[in-house]
Amino acid sequence: MESSALTLDESAMLTQSGVCEESTGLGDVTQELKFRVKSFVERLENIGTSLDRRRRCYKLIDKVAHLQFIN
């Protein structure tokens, strides 16, 4: 994740400074990369939320199973 952020920053600086001509398409590639990284991060966050919910659910199931075993 950090390396993609660095790549985005570097490509943005090159595009803004005029080092790369517009004909290279670097600006378009940068925008596409930004979109893909943002989409990937959002999916990771959603997966993390889903995993956390499942973890809590399994903990509750485990507690209930333990209580039933005691009684």
PDB file of N, CA and C in Angstrom:
ATOM      1  N   MET A   1       0.819  -1.185   0.000  1.00  0.00           N
ATOM      2  CA  MET A   1       0.000   0.000   0.000  1.00  0.00           C
ATOM      3  C   MET A   1       0.870   1.260   0.000  1.00  0.00           C
ATOM      4  N   GLU A   2       1.928   1.230   0.808  1.00  0.00           N
ATOM      5  CA  GLU A   2       2.786   2.411   0.871  1.00  0.00           C
ATOM      6  C   GLU A   2       3.487   2.653  -0.457  1.00  0.00           C
ATOM      7  N   SER A   3       3.927   1.571  -1.105  1.00  0.00           N
ATOM      8  CA  SER A   3       4.643   1.748  -2.367  1.00  0.00           C
ATOM      9  C   SER A   3       3.719   2.290  -3.449  1.00  0.00           C
ATOM     10  N   SER A   4       2.442   1.896  -3.413  1.00  0.00           N
ATOM     11  CA  SER A   4       1.516   2.442  -4.412  1.00  0.00           C
ATOM     12  C   SER A   4       1.271   3.921  -4.154  1.00  0.00           C
ATOM     13  N   ALA A   5       1.212   4.313  -2.897  1.00  0.00           N
ATOM     14  CA  ALA A   5       1.036   5.729  -2.567  1.00  0.00           C
ATOM     15  C   ALA A   5       2.252   6.536  -3.022  1.00  0.00           C
ATOM     16  N   LEU A   6       3.445   5.987  -2.825  1.00  0.00           N
ATOM     17  CA  LEU A   6       4.660   6.675  -3.266  1.00  0.00           C
ATOM     18  C   LEU A   6       4.692   6.800  -4.786  1.00  0.00           C
ATOM     19  N   THR A   7       4.304   5.735  -5.475  1.00  0.00           N
ATOM     20  CA  THR A   7       4.270   5.769  -6.940  1.00  0.00           C
ATOM     21  C   THR A   7       3.298   6.829  -7.427  1.00  0.00           C
ATOM     22  N   LEU A   8       2.137   6.905  -6.788  1.00  0.00           N
ATOM     23  CA  LEU A   8       1.159   7.926  -7.155  1.00  0.00           C
ATOM     24  C   LEU A   8       1.714   9.328  -6.944  1.00  0.00           C
ATOM     25  N   ASP A   9       2.349   9.531  -5.806  1.00  0.00           N
ATOM     26  CA  ASP A   9       2.917  10.852  -5.515  1.00  0.00           C
ATOM     27  C   ASP A   9       3.988  11.230  -6.532  1.00  0.00           C
ATOM     28  N   GLU A  10       4.863  10.286  -6.841  1.00  0.00           N
ATOM     29  CA  GLU A  10       5.934  10.569  -7.794  1.00  0.00           C
ATOM     30  C   GLU A  10       5.385  10.867  -9.186  1.00  0.00           C
ATOM     31  N   SER A  11       4.419  10.083  -9.621  1.00  0.00           N
ATOM     32  CA  SER A  11       3.869  10.316 -10.955  1.00  0.00           C
ATOM     33  C   SER A  11       3.117  11.648 -11.012  1.00  0.00           C
ATOM     34  N   ALA A  12       2.443  11.996  -9.920  1.00  0.00           N
ATOM     35  CA  ALA A  12       1.751  13.286  -9.881  1.00  0.00           C
ATOM     36  C   ALA A  12       2.745  14.437  -9.954  1.00  0.00           C
ATOM     37  N   MET A  13       3.881  14.310  -9.245  1.00  0.00           N
ATOM     38  CA  MET A  13       4.902  15.356  -9.267  1.00  0.00           C
ATOM     39  C   MET A  13       5.506  15.489 -10.669  1.00  0.00           C
ATOM     40  N   LEU A  14       5.769  14.353 -11.320  1.00  0.00           N
ATOM     41  CA  LEU A  14       6.332  14.400 -12.668  1.00  0.00           C
ATOM     42  C   LEU A  14       5.371  15.060 -13.647  1.00  0.00           C
ATOM     43  N   THR A  15       4.096  14.724 -13.513  1.00  0.00           N
ATOM     44  CA  THR A  15       3.092  15.294 -14.413  1.00  0.00           C
ATOM     45  C   THR A  15       2.959  16.797 -14.188  1.00  0.00           C
ATOM     46  N   GLN A  16       2.924  17.215 -12.922  1.00  0.00           N
ATOM     47  CA  GLN A  16       2.749  18.632 -12.601  1.00  0.00           C
ATOM     48  C   GLN A  16       3.974  19.457 -12.959  1.00  0.00           C
ATOM     49  N   SER A  17       5.160  18.872 -12.824  1.00  0.00           N
ATOM     50  CA  SER A  17       6.378  19.636 -13.093  1.00  0.00           C
ATOM     51  C   SER A  17       6.659  19.782 -14.581  1.00  0.00           C
ATOM     52  N   GLY A  18       5.948  19.024 -15.394  1.00  0.00           N
ATOM     53  CA  GLY A  18       6.145  19.112 -16.831  1.00  0.00           C
ATOM     54  C   GLY A  18       7.303  18.278 -17.330  1.00  0.00           C
ATOM     55  N   VAL A  19       7.895  17.452 -16.448  1.00  0.00           N
ATOM     56  CA  VAL A  19       9.003  16.591 -16.855  1.00  0.00           C
ATOM     57  C   VAL A  19       8.532  15.619 -17.927  1.00  0.00           C
ATOM     58  N   CYS A  20       7.343  15.093 -17.743  1.00  0.00           N
ATOM     59  CA  CYS A  20       6.774  14.175 -18.732  1.00  0.00           C
ATOM     60  C   CYS A  20       5.772  14.933 -19.574  1.00  0.00           C
ATOM     61  N   GLU A  21       5.837  14.711 -20.842  1.00  0.00           N
ATOM     62  CA  GLU A  21       4.879  15.363 -21.726  1.00  0.00           C
ATOM     63  C   GLU A  21       3.523  14.701 -21.590  1.00  0.00           C
ATOM     64  N   GLU A  22       2.491  15.440 -21.939  1.00  0.00           N
ATOM     65  CA  GLU A  22       1.141  14.900 -21.863  1.00  0.00           C
ATOM     66  C   GLU A  22       0.976  13.681 -22.756  1.00  0.00           C
ATOM     67  N   SER A  23       1.765  13.601 -23.803  1.00  0.00           N
ATOM     68  CA  SER A  23       1.631  12.483 -24.750  1.00  0.00           C
ATOM     69  C   SER A  23       2.028  11.147 -24.135  1.00  0.00           C
ATOM     70  N   THR A  24       2.713  11.164 -22.996  1.00  0.00           N
ATOM     71  CA  THR A  24       3.109   9.906 -22.356  1.00  0.00           C
ATOM     72  C   THR A  24       1.914   9.211 -21.734  1.00  0.00           C
ATOM     73  N   GLY A  25       0.865   9.961 -21.438  1.00  0.00           N
ATOM     74  CA  GLY A  25      -0.316   9.355 -20.817  1.00  0.00           C
ATOM     75  C   GLY A  25      -0.134   9.089 -19.340  1.00  0.00           C
ATOM     76  N   LEU A  26       0.920   9.643 -18.760  1.00  0.00           N
ATOM     77  CA  LEU A  26       1.191   9.404 -17.344  1.00  0.00           C
ATOM     78  C   LEU A  26       0.054   9.897 -16.454  1.00  0.00           C
ATOM     79  N   GLY A  27      -0.549  11.006 -16.828  1.00  0.00           N
ATOM     80  CA  GLY A  27      -1.668  11.534 -16.041  1.00  0.00           C
ATOM     81  C   GLY A  27      -2.840  10.576 -16.016  1.00  0.00           C
ATOM     82  N   ASP A  28      -3.129   9.992 -17.177  1.00  0.00           N
ATOM     83  CA  ASP A  28      -4.224   9.019 -17.245  1.00  0.00           C
ATOM     84  C   ASP A  28      -3.916   7.778 -16.418  1.00  0.00           C
ATOM     85  N   VAL A  29      -2.687   7.317 -16.506  1.00  0.00           N
ATOM     86  CA  VAL A  29      -2.278   6.143 -15.736  1.00  0.00           C
ATOM     87  C   VAL A  29      -2.360   6.442 -14.245  1.00  0.00           C
ATOM     88  N   THR A  30      -1.947   7.642 -13.864  1.00  0.00           N
ATOM     89  CA  THR A  30      -2.002   8.041 -12.462  1.00  0.00           C
ATOM     90  C   THR A  30      -3.433   8.040 -11.954  1.00  0.00           C
ATOM     91  N   GLN A  31      -4.337   8.596 -12.727  1.00  0.00           N
ATOM     92  CA  GLN A  31      -5.746   8.633 -12.320  1.00  0.00           C
ATOM     93  C   GLN A  31      -6.319   7.227 -12.193  1.00  0.00           C
ATOM     94  N   GLU A  32      -5.992   6.370 -13.134  1.00  0.00           N
ATOM     95  CA  GLU A  32      -6.472   4.979 -13.085  1.00  0.00           C
ATOM     96  C   GLU A  32      -5.914   4.260 -11.862  1.00  0.00           C
ATOM     97  N   LEU A  33      -4.633   4.474 -11.593  1.00  0.00           N
ATOM     98  CA  LEU A  33      -4.008   3.847 -10.428  1.00  0.00           C
ATOM     99  C   LEU A  33      -4.641   4.343  -9.135  1.00  0.00           C
ATOM    100  N   LYS A  34      -4.906   5.648  -9.051  1.00  0.00           N
ATOM    101  CA  LYS A  34      -5.563   6.195  -7.866  1.00  0.00           C
ATOM    102  C   LYS A  34      -6.921   5.541  -7.644  1.00  0.00           C
ATOM    103  N   PHE A  35      -7.682   5.407  -8.734  1.00  0.00           N
ATOM    104  CA  PHE A  35      -8.998   4.791  -8.641  1.00  0.00           C
ATOM    105  C   PHE A  35      -8.895   3.348  -8.160  1.00  0.00           C
ATOM    106  N   ARG A  36      -7.958   2.598  -8.737  1.00  0.00           N
ATOM    107  CA  ARG A  36      -7.815   1.187  -8.372  1.00  0.00           C
ATOM    108  C   ARG A  36      -7.343   1.018  -6.939  1.00  0.00           C
ATOM    109  N   VAL A  37      -6.404   1.852  -6.499  1.00  0.00           N
ATOM    110  CA  VAL A  37      -5.919   1.759  -5.118  1.00  0.00           C
ATOM    111  C   VAL A  37      -7.051   2.096  -4.147  1.00  0.00           C
ATOM    112  N   LYS A  38      -7.805   3.147  -4.445  1.00  0.00           N
ATOM    113  CA  LYS A  38      -8.918   3.528  -3.580  1.00  0.00           C
ATOM    114  C   LYS A  38      -9.958   2.405  -3.504  1.00  0.00           C
ATOM    115  N   SER A  39     -10.264   1.811  -4.636  1.00  0.00           N
ATOM    116  CA  SER A  39     -11.218   0.706  -4.687  1.00  0.00           C
ATOM    117  C   SER A  39     -10.711  -0.488  -3.886  1.00  0.00           C
ATOM    118  N   PHE A  40      -9.426  -0.789  -4.026  1.00  0.00           N
ATOM    119  CA  PHE A  40      -8.830  -1.905  -3.296  1.00  0.00           C
ATOM    120  C   PHE A  40      -8.885  -1.672  -1.786  1.00  0.00           C
ATOM    121  N   VAL A  41      -8.554  -0.470  -1.358  1.00  0.00           N
ATOM    122  CA  VAL A  41      -8.580  -0.134   0.069  1.00  0.00           C
ATOM    123  C   VAL A  41     -10.001  -0.244   0.615  1.00  0.00           C
ATOM    124  N   GLU A  42     -10.979   0.221  -0.144  1.00  0.00           N
ATOM    125  CA  GLU A  42     -12.374   0.116   0.296  1.00  0.00           C
ATOM    126  C   GLU A  42     -12.788  -1.344   0.446  1.00  0.00           C
ATOM    127  N   ARG A  43     -12.383  -2.180  -0.504  1.00  0.00           N
ATOM    128  CA  ARG A  43     -12.713  -3.609  -0.407  1.00  0.00           C
ATOM    129  C   ARG A  43     -12.043  -4.238   0.809  1.00  0.00           C
ATOM    130  N   LEU A  44     -10.784  -3.876   1.063  1.00  0.00           N
ATOM    131  CA  LEU A  44     -10.091  -4.391   2.239  1.00  0.00           C
ATOM    132  C   LEU A  44     -10.802  -3.983   3.528  1.00  0.00           C
ATOM    133  N   GLU A  45     -11.240  -2.727   3.594  1.00  0.00           N
ATOM    134  CA  GLU A  45     -11.954  -2.263   4.782  1.00  0.00           C
ATOM    135  C   GLU A  45     -13.263  -3.021   4.966  1.00  0.00           C
ATOM    136  N   ASN A  46     -13.979  -3.259   3.872  1.00  0.00           N
ATOM    137  CA  ASN A  46     -15.230  -4.024   3.950  1.00  0.00           C
ATOM    138  C   ASN A  46     -14.977  -5.451   4.413  1.00  0.00           C
ATOM    139  N   ILE A  47     -13.926  -6.065   3.911  1.00  0.00           N
ATOM    140  CA  ILE A  47     -13.580  -7.420   4.331  1.00  0.00           C
ATOM    141  C   ILE A  47     -13.214  -7.433   5.809  1.00  0.00           C
ATOM    142  N   GLY A  48     -12.452  -6.430   6.246  1.00  0.00           N
ATOM    143  CA  GLY A  48     -12.080  -6.336   7.659  1.00  0.00           C
ATOM    144  C   GLY A  48     -13.301  -6.211   8.553  1.00  0.00           C
ATOM    145  N   THR A  49     -14.265  -5.401   8.132  1.00  0.00           N
ATOM    146  CA  THR A  49     -15.503  -5.242   8.895  1.00  0.00           C
ATOM    147  C   THR A  49     -16.263  -6.555   8.959  1.00  0.00           C
ATOM    148  N   SER A  50     -16.352  -7.238   7.831  1.00  0.00           N
ATOM    149  CA  SER A  50     -17.049  -8.517   7.768  1.00  0.00           C
ATOM    150  C   SER A  50     -16.370  -9.557   8.666  1.00  0.00           C
ATOM    151  N   LEU A  51     -15.048  -9.607   8.621  1.00  0.00           N
ATOM    152  CA  LEU A  51     -14.316 -10.551   9.462  1.00  0.00           C
ATOM    153  C   LEU A  51     -14.506 -10.242  10.937  1.00  0.00           C
ATOM    154  N   ASP A  52     -14.527  -8.966  11.285  1.00  0.00           N
ATOM    155  CA  ASP A  52     -14.733  -8.583  12.675  1.00  0.00           C
ATOM    156  C   ASP A  52     -16.121  -9.005  13.157  1.00  0.00           C
ATOM    157  N   ARG A  53     -17.129  -8.821  12.339  1.00  0.00           N
ATOM    158  CA  ARG A  53     -18.486  -9.256  12.698  1.00  0.00           C
ATOM    159  C   ARG A  53     -18.539 -10.765  12.886  1.00  0.00           C
ATOM    160  N   ARG A  54     -17.904 -11.485  11.990  1.00  0.00           N
ATOM    161  CA  ARG A  54     -17.896 -12.949  12.103  1.00  0.00           C
ATOM    162  C   ARG A  54     -17.162 -13.396  13.350  1.00  0.00           C
ATOM    163  N   ARG A  55     -16.049 -12.735  13.656  1.00  0.00           N
ATOM    164  CA  ARG A  55     -15.284 -13.070  14.854  1.00  0.00           C
ATOM    165  C   ARG A  55     -16.145 -12.901  16.095  1.00  0.00           C
ATOM    166  N   ARG A  56     -16.874 -11.778  16.169  1.00  0.00           N
ATOM    167  CA  ARG A  56     -17.750 -11.534  17.322  1.00  0.00           C
ATOM    168  C   ARG A  56     -18.863 -12.573  17.390  1.00  0.00           C
ATOM    169  N   CYS A  57     -19.394 -12.942  16.247  1.00  0.00           N
ATOM    170  CA  CYS A  57     -20.456 -13.943  16.200  1.00  0.00           C
ATOM    171  C   CYS A  57     -19.946 -15.298  16.712  1.00  0.00           C
ATOM    172  N   TYR A  58     -18.773 -15.703  16.254  1.00  0.00           N
ATOM    173  CA  TYR A  58     -18.208 -16.977  16.706  1.00  0.00           C
ATOM    174  C   TYR A  58     -17.887 -16.950  18.195  1.00  0.00           C
ATOM    175  N   LYS A  59     -17.470 -15.806  18.710  1.00  0.00           N
ATOM    176  CA  LYS A  59     -17.222 -15.692  20.150  1.00  0.00           C
ATOM    177  C   LYS A  59     -18.511 -15.911  20.927  1.00  0.00           C
ATOM    178  N   LEU A  60     -19.602 -15.315  20.437  1.00  0.00           N
ATOM    179  CA  LEU A  60     -20.894 -15.500  21.101  1.00  0.00           C
ATOM    180  C   LEU A  60     -21.343 -16.954  21.040  1.00  0.00           C
ATOM    181  N   ILE A  61     -21.183 -17.577  19.888  1.00  0.00           N
ATOM    182  CA  ILE A  61     -21.548 -18.993  19.744  1.00  0.00           C
ATOM    183  C   ILE A  61     -20.721 -19.843  20.701  1.00  0.00           C
ATOM    184  N   ASP A  62     -19.439 -19.528  20.808  1.00  0.00           N
ATOM    185  CA  ASP A  62     -18.560 -20.273  21.711  1.00  0.00           C
ATOM    186  C   ASP A  62     -19.001 -20.097  23.160  1.00  0.00           C
ATOM    187  N   LYS A  63     -19.389 -18.883  23.545  1.00  0.00           N
ATOM    188  CA  LYS A  63     -19.863 -18.631  24.914  1.00  0.00           C
ATOM    189  C   LYS A  63     -21.132 -19.419  25.199  1.00  0.00           C
ATOM    190  N   VAL A  64     -22.061 -19.411  24.244  1.00  0.00           N
ATOM    191  CA  VAL A  64     -23.321 -20.142  24.416  1.00  0.00           C
ATOM    192  C   VAL A  64     -23.043 -21.639  24.533  1.00  0.00           C
ATOM    193  N   ALA A  65     -22.167 -22.151  23.684  1.00  0.00           N
ATOM    194  CA  ALA A  65     -21.828 -23.577  23.737  1.00  0.00           C
ATOM    195  C   ALA A  65     -21.197 -23.921  25.069  1.00  0.00           C
ATOM    196  N   HIS A  66     -20.362 -23.053  25.579  1.00  0.00           N
ATOM    197  CA  HIS A  66     -19.713 -23.274  26.876  1.00  0.00           C
ATOM    198  C   HIS A  66     -20.757 -23.272  27.993  1.00  0.00           C
ATOM    199  N   LEU A  67     -21.712 -22.349  27.937  1.00  0.00           N
ATOM    200  CA  LEU A  67     -22.769 -22.286  28.961  1.00  0.00           C
ATOM    201  C   LEU A  67     -23.645 -23.532  28.921  1.00  0.00           C
ATOM    202  N   GLN A  68     -23.942 -24.022  27.747  1.00  0.00           N
ATOM    203  CA  GLN A  68     -24.757 -25.228  27.626  1.00  0.00           C
ATOM    204  C   GLN A  68     -24.014 -26.436  28.161  1.00  0.00           C
ATOM    205  N   PHE A  69     -22.704 -26.461  27.971  1.00  0.00           N
ATOM    206  CA  PHE A  69     -21.883 -27.572  28.478  1.00  0.00           C
ATOM    207  C   PHE A  69     -21.870 -27.584  30.002  1.00  0.00           C
ATOM    208  N   ILE A  70     -21.847 -26.392  30.609  1.00  0.00           N
ATOM    209  CA  ILE A  70     -21.826 -26.283  32.068  1.00  0.00           C
ATOM    210  C   ILE A  70     -23.152 -26.738  32.660  1.00  0.00           C
ATOM    211  N   ASN A  71     -24.264 -26.367  32.040  1.00  0.00           N
ATOM    212  CA  ASN A  71     -25.584 -26.710  32.561  1.00  0.00           C
ATOM    213  C   ASN A  71     -25.887 -28.100  32.144  1.00  0.00           C
TER     214      ASN A  71
END
